[in-house]
Amino acid sequence: MAVKSVTHLNFRGDARAALEFYQSVFGGDLAAVTYKDAGSVQDPAEADQVMWGQVLAGNGFHVMAYDVPSRMPWNQGENSFFVSLRGESAQEVTAYWDKLSEGATVVQPLGPAQWAPLYGMLKDRFGVVWVVDVVSEYNG
């Protein structure tokens, strides 16, 4: 038996832009259902916002997202979650880092760390914090 965990990101009106950005970084297919598509419009101003969306790429990347309706509480918070992106090679990780860092705030520059050949942390232009590293055996 196997289980798969998928990061589900919640936004307030930015879900489509975020999904499009992540597709530009990782490739893959973007699917989005709006509140209007689902027949679930409660606020006409939010009809075209994303009720459910995802980017699913052949390289294993998968993220889901939606726009929290204004009638529901939402606060992005501070350090409420990180998305961990782990790759097998420095070249692969660096390519993703370069794209994710567009418009981002770098918290920890991508570089060698005690636990990984490369490690970095950034907050992307949508406020999502990414921890990025190259997978290696731990020799503690």
Protein backbone atom coordinates (compact mmCIF):
# COMPACT_ATOMS: atom_id res chain seq x y z
CA MET A 1 0.00 0.00 0.00
CA ALA A 2 1.30 3.46 -0.88
CA VAL A 3 0.24 6.95 0.05
CA LYS A 4 0.99 10.20 -1.74
CA SER A 5 1.04 13.63 -0.17
CA VAL A 6 0.33 16.70 -2.29
CA THR A 7 0.84 20.26 -1.14
CA HIS A 8 -2.43 22.21 -1.33
CA LEU A 9 -1.90 25.99 -1.29
CA ASN A 10 -4.62 28.44 -0.31
CA PHE A 11 -4.75 31.94 -1.76
CA ARG A 12 -7.05 34.93 -1.79
CA GLY A 13 -7.50 35.66 -5.49
CA ASP A 14 -3.99 34.64 -6.66
CA ALA A 15 -4.42 30.88 -7.18
CA ARG A 16 -4.53 30.99 -10.99
CA ALA A 17 -1.48 33.26 -11.24
CA ALA A 18 0.41 31.06 -8.78
CA LEU A 19 -0.48 27.86 -10.66
CA GLU A 20 0.57 29.45 -13.97
CA PHE A 21 3.87 30.50 -12.41
CA TYR A 22 4.56 27.02 -10.99
CA GLN A 23 3.74 25.50 -14.38
CA SER A 24 6.30 27.84 -15.98
CA VAL A 25 8.89 26.65 -13.46
CA PHE A 26 8.21 22.89 -13.41
CA GLY A 27 6.30 22.25 -16.64
CA GLY A 28 3.37 19.85 -16.68
CA ASP A 29 -0.34 20.30 -17.08
CA LEU A 30 -2.43 22.95 -15.36
CA ALA A 31 -6.07 22.27 -14.58
CA ALA A 32 -8.37 24.77 -12.93
CA VAL A 33 -12.08 24.81 -12.08
CA THR A 34 -13.60 28.18 -11.21
CA TYR A 35 -16.49 28.74 -8.85
CA LYS A 36 -18.55 29.58 -11.94
CA ASP A 37 -17.51 26.31 -13.66
CA ALA A 38 -18.67 24.36 -10.61
CA GLY A 39 -21.95 26.26 -10.26
CA SER A 40 -20.90 27.41 -6.81
CA VAL A 41 -20.86 31.20 -7.10
CA GLN A 42 -21.78 32.92 -3.85
CA ASP A 43 -20.09 36.24 -4.62
CA PRO A 44 -20.24 37.34 -8.29
CA ALA A 45 -16.86 39.10 -7.88
CA GLU A 46 -15.29 35.71 -7.18
CA ALA A 47 -16.96 33.73 -9.98
CA ASP A 48 -13.75 33.39 -12.01
CA GLN A 49 -11.53 32.55 -9.06
CA VAL A 50 -10.16 29.02 -8.66
CA MET A 51 -12.29 26.59 -6.66
CA TRP A 52 -9.85 23.76 -7.41
CA GLY A 53 -6.66 23.73 -9.40
CA GLN A 54 -3.46 21.81 -9.83
CA VAL A 55 -0.20 21.53 -11.72
CA LEU A 56 0.90 17.95 -12.36
CA ALA A 57 4.20 17.36 -14.13
CA GLY A 58 5.87 14.22 -15.45
CA ASN A 59 8.95 14.99 -13.34
CA GLY A 60 6.93 14.26 -10.17
CA PHE A 61 6.00 17.84 -9.27
CA HIS A 62 2.40 18.15 -8.08
CA VAL A 63 0.75 21.06 -6.31
CA MET A 64 -2.89 21.94 -5.77
CA ALA A 65 -4.38 25.37 -5.02
CA TYR A 66 -7.58 27.31 -4.59
CA ASP A 67 -8.87 30.78 -3.76
CA VAL A 68 -10.41 30.92 -0.29
CA PRO A 69 -13.75 32.75 -0.68
CA SER A 70 -14.03 36.13 1.04
CA ARG A 71 -16.81 34.79 3.29
CA MET A 72 -14.24 32.45 4.92
CA PRO A 73 -11.37 33.52 7.16
CA TRP A 74 -7.91 33.38 5.61
CA ASN A 75 -4.56 34.58 6.78
CA GLN A 76 -1.38 33.57 5.04
CA GLY A 77 0.41 33.70 8.35
CA GLU A 78 4.10 33.79 9.03
CA ASN A 79 6.12 30.59 8.63
CA SER A 80 2.90 28.59 8.53
CA PHE A 81 4.35 26.07 6.06
CA PHE A 82 7.27 25.41 3.73
CA VAL A 83 7.18 23.56 0.43
CA SER A 84 10.19 21.25 0.31
CA LEU A 85 11.63 20.67 -3.16
CA ARG A 86 14.30 17.98 -3.34
CA GLY A 87 16.20 17.02 -6.48
CA GLU A 88 18.83 14.45 -7.28
CA SER A 89 21.39 16.74 -8.94
CA ALA A 90 22.78 20.22 -8.43
CA GLN A 91 21.94 21.05 -12.04
CA GLU A 92 18.27 20.10 -11.61
CA VAL A 93 17.87 21.95 -8.31
CA THR A 94 19.70 25.06 -9.57
CA ALA A 95 17.43 25.26 -12.64
CA TYR A 96 14.31 25.23 -10.44
CA TRP A 97 15.89 27.69 -7.99
CA ASP A 98 16.68 30.15 -10.77
CA LYS A 99 13.07 30.14 -11.93
CA LEU A 100 11.47 30.19 -8.47
CA SER A 101 13.66 33.11 -7.39
CA GLU A 102 12.12 35.43 -10.01
CA GLY A 103 10.49 38.15 -7.92
CA ALA A 104 11.30 36.23 -4.71
CA THR A 105 12.93 37.19 -1.43
CA VAL A 106 15.91 34.94 -0.79
CA VAL A 107 15.99 33.84 2.85
CA GLN A 108 19.05 31.56 2.51
CA PRO A 109 21.05 31.70 -0.73
CA LEU A 110 21.45 28.42 -2.59
CA GLY A 111 24.77 26.90 -1.54
CA PRO A 112 26.47 24.01 0.24
CA ALA A 113 25.13 23.01 3.65
CA GLN A 114 26.25 20.50 6.28
CA TRP A 115 23.41 18.16 5.31
CA ALA A 116 23.27 18.67 1.53
CA PRO A 117 25.49 19.57 -1.42
CA LEU A 118 23.09 22.47 -2.10
CA TYR A 119 20.42 24.04 0.08
CA GLY A 120 18.49 27.30 -0.13
CA MET A 121 15.30 28.95 1.08
CA LEU A 122 13.21 31.64 -0.56
CA LYS A 123 9.80 33.25 -0.31
CA ASP A 124 8.35 33.39 -3.80
CA ARG A 125 6.39 36.32 -5.19
CA PHE A 126 3.16 34.72 -3.91
CA GLY A 127 4.43 34.48 -0.32
CA VAL A 128 5.10 30.72 -0.43
CA VAL A 129 8.32 29.67 1.34
CA TRP A 130 10.34 27.03 -0.53
CA VAL A 131 13.19 25.00 0.94
CA VAL A 132 15.23 23.59 -1.92
CA ASP A 133 18.01 21.01 -1.67
CA VAL A 134 19.88 18.19 -3.34
CA VAL A 135 19.13 14.80 -1.82
CA SER A 136 22.12 13.16 -0.15
CA GLU A 137 22.79 10.53 2.45
CA TYR A 138 22.96 11.87 5.96
CA ASN A 139 26.30 11.06 7.57
CA GLY A 140 25.71 12.49 11.03
